[in-house]
């Protein structure tokens, strides 16, 4: 694996955690307060390099993540398995939403927020890719 890219349809965003207000929560995530999906319907990741991993991961995938037309370099610890022409990639990275201009409810930007109103700045991005 030396390169590649993928595009995420932001309209495909789902909520598996919050049971109450599930629709309302997703609508808010897609709103201008967060991912502004109407204006930015896709996000993308372009691989720049792949190196040997550590901490139980076979590799680290380095690349450029673009959300809301803002691009930042990130590293994704992953397990990559190659079997003939088939490749499987499983990885996860913590992404800081404020790096992409998503500041709503961030305690780092809104110091007056009480603890129960602060929203965590980092979210998990899980990657599962299988080629055949």
N, C-alpha and C. Protein backbone atom coordinates (compact mmCIF):
# COMPACT_ATOMS: atom_id res chain seq x y z
N UNK A 1 0.86 -1.18 0.00
CA UNK A 1 0.00 0.00 0.00
C UNK A 1 0.90 1.23 0.00
N UNK A 2 0.75 2.05 -1.02
CA UNK A 2 1.59 3.24 -1.11
C UNK A 2 0.78 4.52 -1.31
N UNK A 3 -0.50 4.40 -1.58
CA UNK A 3 -1.30 5.59 -1.79
C UNK A 3 -2.76 5.22 -1.97
N UNK A 4 -3.56 6.24 -2.20
CA UNK A 4 -4.98 6.03 -2.40
C UNK A 4 -5.78 7.12 -1.71
N UNK A 5 -7.06 7.09 -1.93
CA UNK A 5 -7.94 8.06 -1.29
C UNK A 5 -9.35 7.51 -1.22
N UNK A 6 -10.14 8.10 -0.36
CA UNK A 6 -11.55 7.78 -0.31
C UNK A 6 -12.35 9.01 0.05
N UNK A 7 -13.60 9.00 -0.36
CA UNK A 7 -14.52 10.10 -0.11
C UNK A 7 -15.65 9.58 0.77
N UNK A 8 -16.03 10.37 1.76
CA UNK A 8 -17.11 10.02 2.68
C UNK A 8 -18.33 10.86 2.35
N UNK A 9 -19.45 10.21 2.11
CA UNK A 9 -20.73 10.89 1.92
C UNK A 9 -21.23 11.28 3.31
N UNK A 10 -21.16 12.55 3.64
CA UNK A 10 -21.53 13.01 4.98
C UNK A 10 -23.02 12.82 5.27
N UNK A 11 -23.83 12.66 4.22
CA UNK A 11 -25.25 12.37 4.42
C UNK A 11 -25.47 10.96 4.94
N UNK A 12 -24.44 10.10 4.84
CA UNK A 12 -24.57 8.73 5.33
C UNK A 12 -24.27 8.61 6.82
N UNK A 13 -23.99 9.74 7.47
CA UNK A 13 -23.70 9.74 8.90
C UNK A 13 -24.84 9.08 9.68
N UNK A 14 -24.48 8.23 10.63
CA UNK A 14 -25.48 7.56 11.47
C UNK A 14 -25.18 7.81 12.94
N UNK A 15 -26.12 7.45 13.78
CA UNK A 15 -25.98 7.57 15.22
C UNK A 15 -26.32 6.22 15.83
N UNK A 16 -25.33 5.58 16.41
CA UNK A 16 -25.54 4.29 17.06
C UNK A 16 -25.53 4.39 18.58
N UNK A 17 -25.23 5.56 19.13
CA UNK A 17 -25.06 5.72 20.57
C UNK A 17 -26.27 6.31 21.29
N UNK A 18 -26.82 7.39 20.74
CA UNK A 18 -27.87 8.13 21.44
C UNK A 18 -29.23 7.62 20.97
N UNK A 19 -29.97 7.03 21.87
CA UNK A 19 -31.28 6.45 21.52
C UNK A 19 -32.38 7.51 21.53
N UNK A 20 -32.41 8.33 22.58
CA UNK A 20 -33.41 9.41 22.66
C UNK A 20 -32.96 10.55 21.75
N UNK A 21 -33.88 11.15 21.08
CA UNK A 21 -33.60 12.29 20.19
C UNK A 21 -32.67 11.92 19.04
N UNK A 22 -32.71 10.66 18.61
CA UNK A 22 -31.81 10.18 17.57
C UNK A 22 -31.89 11.03 16.30
N UNK A 23 -33.09 11.29 15.79
CA UNK A 23 -33.25 12.11 14.58
C UNK A 23 -32.82 13.54 14.79
N UNK A 24 -33.18 14.08 15.94
CA UNK A 24 -32.82 15.46 16.26
C UNK A 24 -31.30 15.60 16.36
N UNK A 25 -30.64 14.60 16.96
CA UNK A 25 -29.19 14.62 17.10
C UNK A 25 -28.51 14.61 15.72
N UNK A 26 -28.94 13.71 14.84
CA UNK A 26 -28.35 13.64 13.50
C UNK A 26 -28.57 14.92 12.71
N UNK A 27 -29.76 15.48 12.84
CA UNK A 27 -30.05 16.74 12.15
C UNK A 27 -29.09 17.84 12.62
N UNK A 28 -28.83 17.86 13.93
CA UNK A 28 -27.91 18.86 14.48
C UNK A 28 -26.48 18.60 14.00
N UNK A 29 -26.05 17.33 13.94
CA UNK A 29 -24.70 16.99 13.46
C UNK A 29 -24.50 17.45 12.01
N UNK A 30 -25.57 17.38 11.22
CA UNK A 30 -25.50 17.76 9.81
C UNK A 30 -25.69 19.26 9.59
N UNK A 31 -26.05 19.98 10.65
CA UNK A 31 -26.32 21.42 10.55
C UNK A 31 -25.03 22.23 10.49
N UNK A 32 -25.16 23.53 10.30
CA UNK A 32 -24.01 24.43 10.24
C UNK A 32 -23.25 24.49 11.56
N UNK A 33 -23.88 24.11 12.69
CA UNK A 33 -23.18 24.07 13.97
C UNK A 33 -22.05 23.05 13.96
N UNK A 34 -22.20 22.01 13.14
CA UNK A 34 -21.19 20.95 13.11
C UNK A 34 -20.63 20.77 11.69
N UNK A 35 -21.13 19.80 10.93
CA UNK A 35 -20.51 19.43 9.66
C UNK A 35 -21.06 20.16 8.43
N UNK A 36 -22.10 20.97 8.57
CA UNK A 36 -22.65 21.76 7.46
C UNK A 36 -22.78 20.92 6.19
N UNK A 37 -23.48 19.81 6.31
CA UNK A 37 -23.57 18.82 5.23
C UNK A 37 -24.20 19.38 3.96
N UNK A 38 -25.13 20.30 4.08
CA UNK A 38 -25.74 20.89 2.87
C UNK A 38 -24.69 21.61 2.03
N UNK A 39 -23.76 22.28 2.66
CA UNK A 39 -22.71 23.02 1.96
C UNK A 39 -21.50 22.13 1.64
N UNK A 40 -21.20 21.18 2.54
CA UNK A 40 -20.04 20.30 2.39
C UNK A 40 -20.50 18.84 2.46
N UNK A 41 -21.08 18.32 1.40
CA UNK A 41 -21.68 16.98 1.44
C UNK A 41 -20.68 15.83 1.50
N UNK A 42 -19.38 16.13 1.30
CA UNK A 42 -18.39 15.06 1.38
C UNK A 42 -17.20 15.49 2.23
N UNK A 43 -16.53 14.50 2.77
CA UNK A 43 -15.23 14.66 3.41
C UNK A 43 -14.31 13.69 2.68
N UNK A 44 -13.00 13.87 2.81
CA UNK A 44 -12.10 12.97 2.08
C UNK A 44 -10.82 12.72 2.86
N UNK A 45 -10.15 11.64 2.48
CA UNK A 45 -8.85 11.30 3.05
C UNK A 45 -7.96 10.82 1.92
N UNK A 46 -6.76 11.39 1.81
CA UNK A 46 -5.80 11.01 0.78
C UNK A 46 -4.53 10.54 1.47
N UNK A 47 -4.13 9.31 1.18
CA UNK A 47 -2.94 8.73 1.78
C UNK A 47 -1.69 9.37 1.19
N UNK A 48 -0.78 9.79 2.09
CA UNK A 48 0.49 10.34 1.63
C UNK A 48 1.64 9.36 1.86
N UNK A 49 1.54 8.53 2.89
CA UNK A 49 2.57 7.53 3.16
C UNK A 49 2.02 6.48 4.12
N UNK A 50 2.67 5.33 4.10
CA UNK A 50 2.33 4.24 5.01
C UNK A 50 3.64 3.75 5.61
N UNK A 51 3.67 3.65 6.93
CA UNK A 51 4.89 3.20 7.59
C UNK A 51 4.58 2.08 8.57
N UNK A 52 5.62 1.45 9.03
CA UNK A 52 5.47 0.36 10.00
C UNK A 52 4.86 0.91 11.28
N UNK A 53 3.97 0.12 11.88
CA UNK A 53 3.26 0.57 13.06
C UNK A 53 3.87 0.09 14.36
N UNK A 54 3.18 0.40 15.45
CA UNK A 54 3.56 -0.06 16.78
C UNK A 54 2.31 -0.12 17.63
N UNK A 55 2.44 -0.43 18.88
CA UNK A 55 1.30 -0.50 19.81
C UNK A 55 0.20 -1.43 19.30
N UNK A 56 0.59 -2.56 18.69
CA UNK A 56 -0.40 -3.54 18.25
C UNK A 56 -0.95 -3.30 16.87
N UNK A 57 -0.48 -2.29 16.17
CA UNK A 57 -0.94 -2.02 14.81
C UNK A 57 0.19 -2.33 13.83
N UNK A 58 -0.16 -2.93 12.71
CA UNK A 58 0.87 -3.30 11.74
C UNK A 58 1.42 -2.08 11.00
N UNK A 59 0.61 -1.04 10.85
CA UNK A 59 1.02 0.13 10.06
C UNK A 59 0.42 1.42 10.63
N UNK A 60 0.97 2.53 10.17
CA UNK A 60 0.38 3.85 10.40
C UNK A 60 0.18 4.45 9.01
N UNK A 61 -1.06 4.84 8.74
CA UNK A 61 -1.40 5.46 7.46
C UNK A 61 -1.44 6.97 7.67
N UNK A 62 -0.55 7.67 7.00
CA UNK A 62 -0.49 9.13 7.09
C UNK A 62 -1.20 9.72 5.88
N UNK A 63 -1.93 10.80 6.12
CA UNK A 63 -2.61 11.40 4.99
C UNK A 63 -3.28 12.72 5.33
N UNK A 64 -3.94 13.25 4.33
CA UNK A 64 -4.61 14.54 4.43
C UNK A 64 -6.12 14.31 4.55
N UNK A 65 -6.68 14.73 5.67
CA UNK A 65 -8.12 14.64 5.92
C UNK A 65 -8.72 16.01 5.60
N UNK A 66 -9.79 16.00 4.79
CA UNK A 66 -10.48 17.25 4.46
C UNK A 66 -11.92 17.17 4.93
N UNK A 67 -12.28 18.12 5.79
CA UNK A 67 -13.65 18.26 6.29
C UNK A 67 -13.98 19.75 6.18
N UNK A 68 -15.12 20.07 5.60
CA UNK A 68 -15.55 21.45 5.44
C UNK A 68 -14.50 22.30 4.71
N UNK A 69 -13.89 21.72 3.68
CA UNK A 69 -12.86 22.39 2.87
C UNK A 69 -11.62 22.80 3.67
N UNK A 70 -11.42 22.20 4.83
CA UNK A 70 -10.21 22.42 5.62
C UNK A 70 -9.44 21.10 5.64
N UNK A 71 -8.16 21.16 5.29
CA UNK A 71 -7.35 19.96 5.19
C UNK A 71 -6.28 19.96 6.28
N UNK A 72 -6.18 18.83 6.99
CA UNK A 72 -5.18 18.65 8.04
C UNK A 72 -4.54 17.28 7.86
N UNK A 73 -3.27 17.17 8.19
CA UNK A 73 -2.59 15.89 8.15
C UNK A 73 -2.91 15.10 9.41
N UNK A 74 -3.24 13.83 9.23
CA UNK A 74 -3.52 12.96 10.36
C UNK A 74 -2.81 11.63 10.16
N UNK A 75 -2.66 10.90 11.25
CA UNK A 75 -2.08 9.55 11.22
C UNK A 75 -3.13 8.58 11.73
N UNK A 76 -3.32 7.49 11.01
CA UNK A 76 -4.31 6.48 11.38
C UNK A 76 -3.60 5.16 11.67
N UNK A 77 -3.51 4.75 12.94
CA UNK A 77 -2.97 3.43 13.24
C UNK A 77 -3.92 2.38 12.67
N UNK A 78 -3.36 1.41 11.96
CA UNK A 78 -4.22 0.43 11.28
C UNK A 78 -3.54 -0.92 11.17
N UNK A 79 -4.36 -1.92 10.97
CA UNK A 79 -3.88 -3.26 10.63
C UNK A 79 -4.20 -3.49 9.17
N UNK A 80 -3.16 -3.76 8.39
CA UNK A 80 -3.30 -3.99 6.96
C UNK A 80 -2.92 -5.43 6.67
N UNK A 81 -3.82 -6.13 6.00
CA UNK A 81 -3.56 -7.52 5.62
C UNK A 81 -3.66 -7.63 4.11
N UNK A 82 -2.65 -8.26 3.52
CA UNK A 82 -2.63 -8.47 2.07
C UNK A 82 -2.64 -9.96 1.81
N UNK A 83 -3.62 -10.39 1.02
CA UNK A 83 -3.75 -11.80 0.66
C UNK A 83 -3.92 -11.86 -0.86
N UNK A 84 -2.80 -12.07 -1.57
CA UNK A 84 -2.86 -12.03 -3.02
C UNK A 84 -3.19 -10.63 -3.48
N UNK A 85 -4.28 -10.49 -4.24
CA UNK A 85 -4.72 -9.16 -4.70
C UNK A 85 -5.72 -8.52 -3.74
N UNK A 86 -6.10 -9.22 -2.69
CA UNK A 86 -7.06 -8.68 -1.73
C UNK A 86 -6.34 -7.96 -0.60
N UNK A 87 -6.87 -6.80 -0.23
CA UNK A 87 -6.31 -6.02 0.86
C UNK A 87 -7.42 -5.66 1.83
N UNK A 88 -7.15 -5.80 3.13
CA UNK A 88 -8.12 -5.34 4.13
C UNK A 88 -7.39 -4.38 5.08
N UNK A 89 -8.09 -3.30 5.41
CA UNK A 89 -7.54 -2.27 6.28
C UNK A 89 -8.56 -2.01 7.38
N UNK A 90 -8.11 -2.09 8.63
CA UNK A 90 -8.95 -1.76 9.78
C UNK A 90 -8.16 -0.78 10.64
N UNK A 91 -8.73 0.39 10.87
CA UNK A 91 -8.02 1.38 11.66
C UNK A 91 -8.95 2.35 12.34
N UNK A 92 -8.39 3.14 13.23
CA UNK A 92 -9.18 4.13 13.95
C UNK A 92 -8.27 5.28 14.37
N UNK A 93 -8.79 6.49 14.27
CA UNK A 93 -8.04 7.66 14.70
C UNK A 93 -8.96 8.61 15.44
N UNK A 94 -8.39 9.34 16.37
CA UNK A 94 -9.13 10.40 17.05
C UNK A 94 -8.90 11.69 16.27
N UNK A 95 -9.99 12.32 15.87
CA UNK A 95 -9.94 13.54 15.08
C UNK A 95 -10.43 14.69 15.95
N UNK A 96 -9.69 15.78 15.97
CA UNK A 96 -10.10 16.98 16.70
C UNK A 96 -10.96 17.83 15.77
N UNK A 97 -12.25 17.88 16.06
CA UNK A 97 -13.20 18.60 15.21
C UNK A 97 -12.90 20.08 15.11
N UNK A 98 -12.28 20.64 16.15
CA UNK A 98 -12.00 22.07 16.13
C UNK A 98 -10.92 22.42 15.10
N UNK A 99 -10.09 21.43 14.72
CA UNK A 99 -9.11 21.66 13.65
C UNK A 99 -9.79 21.93 12.31
N UNK A 100 -11.06 21.54 12.21
CA UNK A 100 -11.82 21.70 10.98
C UNK A 100 -12.92 22.76 11.12
N UNK A 101 -12.74 23.65 12.09
CA UNK A 101 -13.66 24.77 12.26
C UNK A 101 -14.98 24.41 12.92
N UNK A 102 -15.05 23.25 13.56
CA UNK A 102 -16.29 22.83 14.23
C UNK A 102 -16.11 23.12 15.72
N UNK A 103 -16.55 24.29 16.14
CA UNK A 103 -16.29 24.77 17.49
C UNK A 103 -17.50 24.73 18.42
N UNK A 104 -18.67 24.42 17.89
CA UNK A 104 -19.90 24.44 18.69
C UNK A 104 -19.72 23.62 19.97
N UNK A 105 -19.99 24.22 21.11
CA UNK A 105 -19.96 23.53 22.39
C UNK A 105 -18.58 23.13 22.89
N UNK A 106 -17.54 23.66 22.27
CA UNK A 106 -16.17 23.34 22.68
C UNK A 106 -15.77 24.15 23.90
N UNK A 107 -15.37 23.48 24.95
CA UNK A 107 -14.90 24.16 26.15
C UNK A 107 -13.61 24.93 25.92
N UNK A 108 -12.88 24.58 24.87
CA UNK A 108 -11.65 25.30 24.55
C UNK A 108 -11.92 26.65 23.91
N UNK A 109 -13.11 26.84 23.36
CA UNK A 109 -13.45 28.10 22.70
C UNK A 109 -14.51 28.88 23.45
N UNK A 110 -15.32 28.18 24.23
CA UNK A 110 -16.40 28.83 24.98
C UNK A 110 -16.21 28.54 26.46
N UNK A 111 -15.39 29.33 27.10
CA UNK A 111 -15.01 29.11 28.51
C UNK A 111 -16.19 29.25 29.47
N UNK A 112 -17.25 29.95 29.04
CA UNK A 112 -18.39 30.17 29.93
C UNK A 112 -19.33 28.97 30.02
N UNK A 113 -19.11 27.94 29.20
CA UNK A 113 -19.98 26.77 29.23
C UNK A 113 -19.79 25.98 30.52
N UNK A 114 -20.90 25.54 31.10
CA UNK A 114 -20.80 24.68 32.27
C UNK A 114 -20.44 23.27 31.80
N UNK A 115 -19.92 22.48 32.72
CA UNK A 115 -19.40 21.14 32.37
C UNK A 115 -20.42 20.28 31.64
N UNK A 116 -21.70 20.39 32.00
CA UNK A 116 -22.72 19.55 31.36
C UNK A 116 -23.13 20.06 29.97
N UNK A 117 -22.58 21.18 29.55
CA UNK A 117 -22.88 21.74 28.22
C UNK A 117 -21.70 21.60 27.25
N UNK A 118 -20.54 21.20 27.76
CA UNK A 118 -19.35 21.07 26.93
C UNK A 118 -19.44 19.77 26.12
N UNK A 119 -19.09 19.87 24.83
CA UNK A 119 -19.05 18.71 23.94
C UNK A 119 -17.58 18.42 23.65
N UNK A 120 -17.21 17.15 23.75
CA UNK A 120 -15.82 16.76 23.51
C UNK A 120 -15.36 17.21 22.13
N UNK A 121 -14.11 17.63 22.05
CA UNK A 121 -13.55 18.10 20.79
C UNK A 121 -13.16 16.95 19.87
N UNK A 122 -12.80 15.81 20.42
CA UNK A 122 -12.33 14.70 19.59
C UNK A 122 -13.42 13.67 19.36
N UNK A 123 -13.41 13.14 18.13
CA UNK A 123 -14.31 12.05 17.80
C UNK A 123 -13.51 10.94 17.14
N UNK A 124 -14.03 9.73 17.16
CA UNK A 124 -13.35 8.59 16.56
C UNK A 124 -13.75 8.45 15.11
N UNK A 125 -12.75 8.25 14.27
CA UNK A 125 -13.00 7.93 12.87
C UNK A 125 -12.52 6.49 12.69
N UNK A 126 -13.44 5.59 12.42
CA UNK A 126 -13.12 4.20 12.18
C UNK A 126 -13.09 3.94 10.68
N UNK A 127 -12.07 3.20 10.24
CA UNK A 127 -11.92 2.87 8.83
C UNK A 127 -11.95 1.36 8.68
N UNK A 128 -12.75 0.91 7.76
CA UNK A 128 -12.80 -0.51 7.39
C UNK A 128 -12.90 -0.57 5.87
N UNK A 129 -11.85 -1.03 5.22
CA UNK A 129 -11.79 -1.09 3.78
C UNK A 129 -11.39 -2.51 3.36
N UNK A 130 -12.10 -3.07 2.39
CA UNK A 130 -11.76 -4.38 1.84
C UNK A 130 -11.76 -4.24 0.32
N UNK A 131 -10.66 -4.64 -0.30
CA UNK A 131 -10.60 -4.64 -1.76
C UNK A 131 -10.61 -6.08 -2.24
N UNK A 132 -11.12 -6.27 -3.42
CA UNK A 132 -11.16 -7.62 -4.01
C UNK A 132 -10.82 -7.54 -5.47
